[in-house]
Amino acid sequence: MDDPEKYALEYLTTFGATHVGIATIESLSGGPPSTDITYLMPEAKSAIVFAYPFDNSLIPGFLKKEDRFGFEQENFKANYLATGLSMWAAHEIKQRGHNAIPVLTNNSYRDDTPMGKYDMQPDLNLKFLAVRSGIGHFGLSGNVLTKEYGPNVVLGAIVTSAPMELTDPLPSEDNYCDNCRLCTASCAAHFVDPEEKTTITMGGVSFEHPKLRSYNRCTYVCGGFSGLHESGKWSTWSPGRFPIPKDDQGFADAIGKHLGAYAKRPDMQGGYYNYLMPFSKIYQTCGNCQFVCDPDKEVRKERYKMLTQSGVVVQHADGRLEAMSKEDAAAFVAALPPERKKLYEEIE
């Protein structure tokens, strides 16, 4: 089998990819800088894009505050497997006489921006490549929605010098997103503007995309600094109760203000180190906008109910997390000695 395109696609689907598409230098032309595949390979002609699914059976336990670590492990595993698939597919393309490089699924950022890696601009925006190559549609959350798994997939890619035949975007009428807004209601940071849209054009094809606010919102809440919803009735898996700002600048200030407190909290189970935050592990405490969503609207409603009835998370001295009612959680934190309490909420 000498055809690198045929081989790569068969390889990816054989070993677990559920959706595979191809974007070309032409189909991505005119797109944002993060769609420029020559950034990674000057001679690039094509990018193979694919989706690798999560084990969705673990989502309810995460949303109901029953099992954080189980889904964190699943998330890590899916990302590592997808990156591994990219590496092997790239290797096989190279054996057939073309250059090819794998693209990391996450946590690989450009250096050529004002703040470098801290701007968190990816080498390639795999979401943009995915919608252009027919992997899925944009949802209101900004995530890519696949027909079978919704947004609960990891996106991967291989950039290659091999010329390949592009795959078309999916018809817009097949997008199951009906603006139910359960994804935005699940986000304590209000990262996505539910009203304002932006349009991106790649290869002469335009896609409507929700406007995303500052990434500091995601860093602060998904990163675990704080997670208590404004209603006070539920939280992410973060035990933090620091105020969640209203404006973008407020999030940047809040991160700086509470960085020290975050680093001094007891270690939780699992987690990983990231070069953007080397002083402490990062843990999976959120992802609600992604996990609540499903092609079946009734499943969406049930998952949202799981989240909003899951309670508020507190942390014990040994690092254990426990979800309680709003009232019990407030009493738990109020009873902490000042040195521990200030790790989770602002005190006078």
Protein backbone atom coordinates (compact mmCIF):
# COMPACT_ATOMS: atom_id res chain seq x y z
CA MET A 1 0.00 0.00 0.00
CA ASP A 2 2.01 2.96 -1.32
CA ASP A 3 -0.72 5.59 -1.13
CA PRO A 4 0.11 7.56 2.07
CA GLU A 5 -3.39 9.04 2.26
CA LYS A 6 -5.16 5.70 2.04
CA TYR A 7 -2.78 4.12 4.53
CA ALA A 8 -2.94 6.91 7.08
CA LEU A 9 -6.74 7.04 7.10
CA GLU A 10 -7.03 3.26 7.43
CA TYR A 11 -4.42 3.23 10.19
CA LEU A 12 -6.21 5.88 12.23
CA THR A 13 -9.65 4.29 11.98
CA THR A 14 -8.29 0.80 12.69
CA PHE A 15 -6.80 1.96 15.97
CA GLY A 16 -9.69 3.97 17.34
CA ALA A 17 -10.29 7.22 15.47
CA THR A 18 -14.01 7.62 14.84
CA HIS A 19 -13.86 10.50 12.36
CA VAL A 20 -11.08 11.31 9.87
CA GLY A 21 -10.84 14.20 7.42
CA ILE A 22 -8.30 16.05 5.30
CA ALA A 23 -7.60 19.77 5.02
CA THR A 24 -5.24 21.13 2.39
CA ILE A 25 -3.15 24.25 2.02
CA GLU A 26 -5.83 25.49 -0.40
CA SER A 27 -8.83 24.65 1.77
CA LEU A 28 -7.27 26.53 4.69
CA SER A 29 -6.18 29.59 2.71
CA GLY A 30 -7.37 32.91 4.10
CA GLY A 31 -8.00 31.44 7.53
CA PRO A 32 -6.68 32.72 10.87
CA PRO A 33 -2.93 32.35 11.55
CA SER A 34 -3.65 29.28 13.67
CA THR A 35 -4.79 27.41 10.53
CA ASP A 36 -1.47 27.90 8.72
CA ILE A 37 -0.03 24.40 8.48
CA THR A 38 3.25 25.77 7.11
CA TYR A 39 3.93 27.14 10.60
CA LEU A 40 4.90 23.60 11.56
CA MET A 41 6.23 22.49 8.18
CA PRO A 42 7.16 25.02 5.46
CA GLU A 43 6.59 22.47 2.69
CA ALA A 44 3.24 21.25 4.09
CA LYS A 45 0.48 20.51 1.61
CA SER A 46 -2.09 18.67 3.72
CA ALA A 47 -3.27 17.95 7.24
CA ILE A 48 -5.04 14.79 8.32
CA VAL A 49 -7.46 15.55 11.15
CA PHE A 50 -9.21 12.98 13.32
CA ALA A 51 -11.36 12.55 16.42
CA TYR A 52 -10.74 10.01 19.18
CA PRO A 53 -13.67 9.51 21.60
CA PHE A 54 -13.79 9.53 25.38
CA ASP A 55 -15.43 6.71 27.31
CA ASN A 56 -18.74 8.49 27.82
CA SER A 57 -19.78 6.10 30.60
CA LEU A 58 -17.45 8.04 32.93
CA ILE A 59 -19.12 11.42 32.34
CA PRO A 60 -22.08 11.01 34.75
CA GLY A 61 -19.81 10.20 37.68
CA PHE A 62 -17.74 13.29 36.98
CA LEU A 63 -20.76 15.58 36.71
CA LYS A 64 -22.43 14.14 39.83
CA LYS A 65 -19.26 14.73 41.89
CA GLU A 66 -18.81 11.01 42.46
CA ASP A 67 -15.56 10.38 40.59
CA ARG A 68 -13.22 13.14 39.47
CA PHE A 69 -10.06 11.05 39.17
CA GLY A 70 -11.61 8.39 36.92
CA PHE A 71 -12.47 10.85 34.19
CA GLU A 72 -9.21 12.76 34.61
CA GLN A 73 -7.39 9.51 33.87
CA GLU A 74 -9.65 8.88 30.86
CA ASN A 75 -8.93 12.38 29.56
CA PHE A 76 -5.18 11.89 29.88
CA LYS A 77 -5.36 8.44 28.28
CA ALA A 78 -7.40 9.65 25.30
CA ASN A 79 -4.99 12.55 24.70
CA TYR A 80 -1.94 10.30 24.93
CA LEU A 81 -3.48 7.68 22.63
CA ALA A 82 -4.52 10.30 20.07
CA THR A 83 -1.04 11.83 20.11
CA GLY A 84 0.42 8.33 19.75
CA LEU A 85 -1.81 7.66 16.75
CA SER A 86 -0.54 10.88 15.19
CA MET A 87 3.07 9.82 15.77
CA TRP A 88 2.64 6.39 14.22
CA ALA A 89 0.63 7.66 11.26
CA ALA A 90 3.27 10.35 10.62
CA HIS A 91 6.01 7.71 10.81
CA GLU A 92 4.28 5.52 8.24
CA ILE A 93 3.77 8.46 5.87
CA LYS A 94 7.49 9.23 6.14
CA GLN A 95 8.29 5.62 5.27
CA ARG A 96 6.42 6.19 2.02
CA GLY A 97 8.62 9.07 0.96
CA HIS A 98 6.84 12.15 2.32
CA ASN A 99 7.64 14.37 5.26
CA ALA A 100 5.10 14.26 8.09
CA ILE A 101 4.95 15.45 11.67
CA PRO A 102 2.43 14.68 14.43
CA VAL A 103 0.57 17.51 16.14
CA LEU A 104 0.16 17.32 19.91
CA THR A 105 -3.47 17.21 20.94
CA ASN A 106 -3.05 19.89 23.61
CA ASN A 107 -0.65 22.07 25.59
CA SER A 108 1.60 23.05 22.68
CA TYR A 109 1.61 26.80 22.14
CA ARG A 110 3.26 29.31 19.82
CA ASP A 111 6.22 31.43 20.87
CA ASP A 112 5.69 34.21 18.32
CA THR A 113 2.94 36.12 20.16
CA PRO A 114 3.30 39.11 22.53
CA MET A 115 3.42 36.91 25.65
CA GLY A 116 4.67 33.77 23.95
CA LYS A 117 3.31 30.51 25.35
CA TYR A 118 1.36 32.40 28.01
CA ASP A 119 -1.01 33.67 25.29
CA MET A 120 -1.93 29.99 24.83
CA GLN A 121 -2.22 30.28 21.06
CA PRO A 122 -1.92 26.73 19.69
CA ASP A 123 0.51 25.66 16.99
CA LEU A 124 -2.58 24.72 15.00
CA ASN A 125 -6.20 25.29 15.93
CA LEU A 126 -7.47 21.75 15.55
CA LYS A 127 -11.08 22.87 16.00
CA PHE A 128 -10.85 25.06 12.91
CA LEU A 129 -9.20 22.29 10.90
CA ALA A 130 -11.83 19.83 12.11
CA VAL A 131 -14.84 21.82 10.90
CA ARG A 132 -13.14 22.58 7.58
CA SER A 133 -12.39 18.92 6.95
CA GLY A 134 -15.82 17.59 7.91
CA ILE A 135 -15.12 16.12 11.35
CA GLY A 136 -17.98 18.06 12.94
CA HIS A 137 -19.74 21.39 13.43
CA PHE A 138 -19.17 24.29 15.78
CA GLY A 139 -21.50 24.24 18.77
CA LEU A 140 -22.56 27.21 20.88
CA SER A 141 -19.80 26.28 23.34
CA GLY A 142 -17.15 26.71 20.65
CA ASN A 143 -16.44 22.98 20.81
CA VAL A 144 -16.59 20.77 17.73
CA LEU A 145 -19.69 18.57 17.74
CA THR A 146 -19.42 15.15 16.12
CA LYS A 147 -22.53 13.32 15.03
CA GLU A 148 -22.15 10.34 17.37
CA TYR A 149 -20.15 11.63 20.35
CA GLY A 150 -20.92 15.33 20.38
CA PRO A 151 -17.91 17.29 21.65
CA ASN A 152 -16.66 14.45 23.84
CA VAL A 153 -13.68 13.61 21.68
CA VAL A 154 -10.01 14.51 21.47
CA LEU A 155 -8.89 16.07 18.19
CA GLY A 156 -5.59 15.02 16.62
CA ALA A 157 -3.72 15.82 13.43
CA ILE A 158 -0.76 15.03 11.20
CA VAL A 159 0.79 17.67 8.94
CA THR A 160 2.43 16.30 5.80
CA SER A 161 4.11 17.32 2.57
CA ALA A 162 2.07 14.67 0.77
CA PRO A 163 -0.65 16.07 -1.50
CA MET A 164 -4.02 14.67 -0.46
CA GLU A 165 -7.63 15.06 -1.51
CA LEU A 166 -9.59 17.31 0.84
CA THR A 167 -12.80 16.23 2.51
CA ASP A 168 -15.72 18.64 2.46
CA PRO A 169 -17.29 20.34 5.50
CA LEU A 170 -20.48 18.80 6.82
CA PRO A 171 -23.79 20.36 5.72
CA SER A 172 -24.83 23.07 8.18
CA GLU A 173 -28.34 21.61 8.41
CA ASP A 174 -26.87 18.46 9.99
CA ASN A 175 -25.59 20.38 13.02
CA TYR A 176 -27.56 19.13 16.02
CA CYS A 177 -26.81 22.26 18.09
CA ASP A 178 -30.18 23.91 18.74
CA ASN A 179 -28.89 26.68 21.03
CA CYS A 180 -30.27 24.95 24.11
CA ARG A 181 -27.59 26.91 26.04
CA LEU A 182 -27.01 24.19 28.59
CA CYS A 183 -23.30 24.38 27.74
CA THR A 184 -23.08 28.08 28.56
CA ALA A 185 -25.23 27.60 31.67
CA SER A 186 -22.69 25.01 32.83
CA CYS A 187 -19.78 27.46 32.66
CA ALA A 188 -19.19 29.37 35.89
CA ALA A 189 -16.68 31.60 34.07
CA HIS A 190 -19.05 32.69 31.26
CA PHE A 191 -16.22 32.05 28.79
CA VAL A 192 -18.47 32.05 25.72
CA ASP A 193 -20.52 35.05 24.67
CA PRO A 194 -23.95 33.47 24.02
CA GLU A 195 -25.09 36.29 21.76
CA GLU A 196 -22.14 37.59 19.74
CA LYS A 197 -20.69 35.55 16.88
CA THR A 198 -17.60 35.77 14.73
CA THR A 199 -17.12 34.39 11.25
CA ILE A 200 -14.00 32.70 9.99
CA THR A 201 -13.40 31.91 6.33
CA MET A 202 -11.11 29.12 5.18
CA GLY A 203 -10.67 28.30 1.52
CA GLY A 204 -13.68 30.41 0.59
CA VAL A 205 -16.01 28.63 3.03
CA SER A 206 -17.33 30.62 6.00
CA PHE A 207 -18.13 29.25 9.45
CA GLU A 208 -19.96 31.03 12.24
CA HIS A 209 -18.16 30.68 15.53
CA PRO A 210 -19.23 31.92 18.98
CA LYS A 211 -17.17 34.78 20.36
CA LEU A 212 -14.85 33.58 23.09
CA ARG A 213 -13.91 35.88 25.92
CA SER A 214 -10.47 35.98 27.55
CA TYR A 215 -8.73 32.63 28.05
CA ASN A 216 -8.00 33.83 31.59
CA ARG A 217 -11.61 32.93 32.36
CA CYS A 218 -10.87 29.30 31.55
CA THR A 219 -7.52 29.42 33.35
CA TYR A 220 -9.18 30.72 36.52
CA VAL A 221 -12.15 28.36 36.65
CA CYS A 222 -11.17 25.30 34.58
CA GLY A 223 -7.68 25.64 36.06
CA GLY A 224 -9.18 25.21 39.52
CA PHE A 225 -8.45 28.52 41.24
CA SER A 226 -12.16 28.92 41.91
CA GLY A 227 -15.28 27.05 40.88
CA LEU A 228 -18.31 28.12 42.89
CA HIS A 229 -21.19 29.03 40.59
CA GLU A 230 -22.78 32.43 41.15
CA SER A 231 -25.93 30.71 42.46
CA GLY A 232 -23.87 29.19 45.27
CA LYS A 233 -25.72 25.88 44.77
CA TRP A 234 -23.08 23.97 42.82
CA SER A 235 -19.45 24.15 41.86
CA THR A 236 -16.87 22.58 39.61
CA TRP A 237 -14.55 20.04 41.24
CA SER A 238 -12.47 22.97 42.51
CA PRO A 239 -12.79 23.68 46.25
CA GLY A 240 -11.98 27.34 45.59
CA ARG A 241 -14.61 29.91 46.55
CA PHE A 242 -12.84 33.09 45.46
CA PRO A 243 -15.08 35.61 43.68
CA ILE A 244 -15.53 35.03 39.96
CA PRO A 245 -15.10 38.40 38.19
CA LYS A 246 -17.48 39.85 35.63
CA ASP A 247 -15.00 41.37 33.16
CA ASP A 248 -11.96 39.94 31.38
CA GLN A 249 -9.40 42.13 33.15
CA GLY A 250 -10.80 41.03 36.48
CA PHE A 251 -9.84 37.44 35.69
CA ALA A 252 -6.23 38.38 34.97
CA ASP A 253 -6.06 40.22 38.28
CA ALA A 254 -7.72 37.36 40.17
CA ILE A 255 -5.23 34.80 38.86
CA GLY A 256 -2.32 36.89 40.10
CA LYS A 257 -4.03 37.54 43.42
CA HIS A 258 -4.85 33.91 44.22
CA LEU A 259 -1.88 32.10 42.66
CA GLY A 260 -0.16 31.63 46.00
CA ALA A 261 -3.25 30.25 47.71
CA TYR A 262 -3.81 27.74 44.91
CA ALA A 263 -0.23 26.47 45.17
CA LYS A 264 -0.53 25.89 48.93
CA ARG A 265 -3.63 23.70 48.82
CA PRO A 266 -3.14 20.03 49.73
CA ASP A 267 -2.36 17.75 46.80
CA MET A 268 -5.33 16.01 45.25
CA GLN A 269 -5.31 12.59 43.63
CA GLY A 270 -3.84 12.58 40.13
CA GLY A 271 -3.02 15.81 38.34
CA TYR A 272 -0.05 16.72 36.17
CA TYR A 273 2.63 19.37 35.88
CA ASN A 274 2.47 21.98 33.13
CA TYR A 275 5.25 24.37 32.17
CA LEU A 276 2.81 27.30 32.26
CA MET A 277 2.22 26.68 35.97
CA PRO A 278 5.35 24.88 37.23
CA PHE A 279 4.82 25.58 40.94
CA SER A 280 1.85 23.24 41.34
CA LYS A 281 0.03 20.40 39.65
CA ILE A 282 -3.00 21.05 37.47
CA TYR A 283 -6.07 18.90 38.00
CA GLN A 284 -9.16 18.24 35.92
CA THR A 285 -11.85 20.14 37.80
CA CYS A 286 -14.09 21.29 34.95
CA GLY A 287 -14.88 20.75 31.29
CA ASN A 288 -18.60 21.06 32.00
CA CYS A 289 -19.43 22.82 28.72
CA GLN A 290 -18.05 19.79 26.91
CA PHE A 291 -19.34 17.00 29.12
CA VAL A 292 -22.91 18.28 29.43
CA CYS A 293 -23.37 18.21 25.66
CA ASP A 294 -24.66 15.20 23.72
CA PRO A 295 -26.45 14.70 20.39
CA ASP A 296 -29.52 13.53 22.35
CA LYS A 297 -31.18 16.55 23.95
CA GLU A 298 -32.69 14.44 26.72
CA VAL A 299 -29.21 13.26 27.68
CA ARG A 300 -28.10 16.91 27.75
CA LYS A 301 -30.92 17.82 30.10
CA GLU A 302 -30.14 14.90 32.40
CA ARG A 303 -26.43 15.73 32.49
CA TYR A 304 -27.14 19.37 33.28
CA LYS A 305 -29.40 18.23 36.11
CA MET A 306 -26.59 15.99 37.41
CA LEU A 307 -24.23 18.97 37.47
CA THR A 308 -26.54 21.50 39.07
CA GLN A 309 -27.68 19.04 41.76
CA SER A 310 -24.17 17.76 42.51
CA GLY A 311 -23.47 20.17 45.34
CA VAL A 312 -20.46 22.26 46.29
CA VAL A 313 -16.96 20.79 46.62
CA VAL A 314 -14.81 21.29 49.71
CA GLN A 315 -11.33 19.97 50.47
CA HIS A 316 -10.23 18.09 53.57
CA ALA A 317 -6.80 18.54 55.11
CA ASP A 318 -5.55 15.31 53.50
CA GLY A 319 -6.48 16.58 50.02
CA ARG A 320 -9.71 14.62 49.67
CA LEU A 321 -12.59 16.35 47.91
CA GLU A 322 -16.19 16.04 49.03
CA ALA A 323 -19.40 17.49 47.60
CA MET A 324 -21.92 18.91 50.06
CA SER A 325 -25.03 21.03 50.03
CA LYS A 326 -24.60 24.78 49.73
CA GLU A 327 -25.29 25.21 53.44
CA ASP A 328 -23.05 22.38 54.64
CA ALA A 329 -20.19 23.52 52.43
CA ALA A 330 -20.43 27.08 53.74
CA ALA A 331 -20.39 25.78 57.32
CA PHE A 332 -17.41 23.52 56.55
CA VAL A 333 -15.33 26.38 55.18
CA ALA A 334 -16.43 28.75 57.96
CA ALA A 335 -15.10 26.27 60.54
CA LEU A 336 -11.64 26.06 58.98
CA PRO A 337 -8.76 27.76 60.79
CA PRO A 338 -7.80 31.06 59.10
CA GLU A 339 -4.59 29.65 57.61
CA ARG A 340 -6.57 26.99 55.75
CA LYS A 341 -9.62 29.08 55.00
CA LYS A 342 -7.60 31.66 53.05
CA LEU A 343 -6.57 28.94 50.61
CA TYR A 344 -10.17 28.80 49.38
CA GLU A 345 -11.88 32.12 50.00
CA GLU A 346 -11.03 35.73 50.68
CA ILE A 347 -11.02 36.61 54.37
CA GLU A 348 -10.75 39.93 56.12
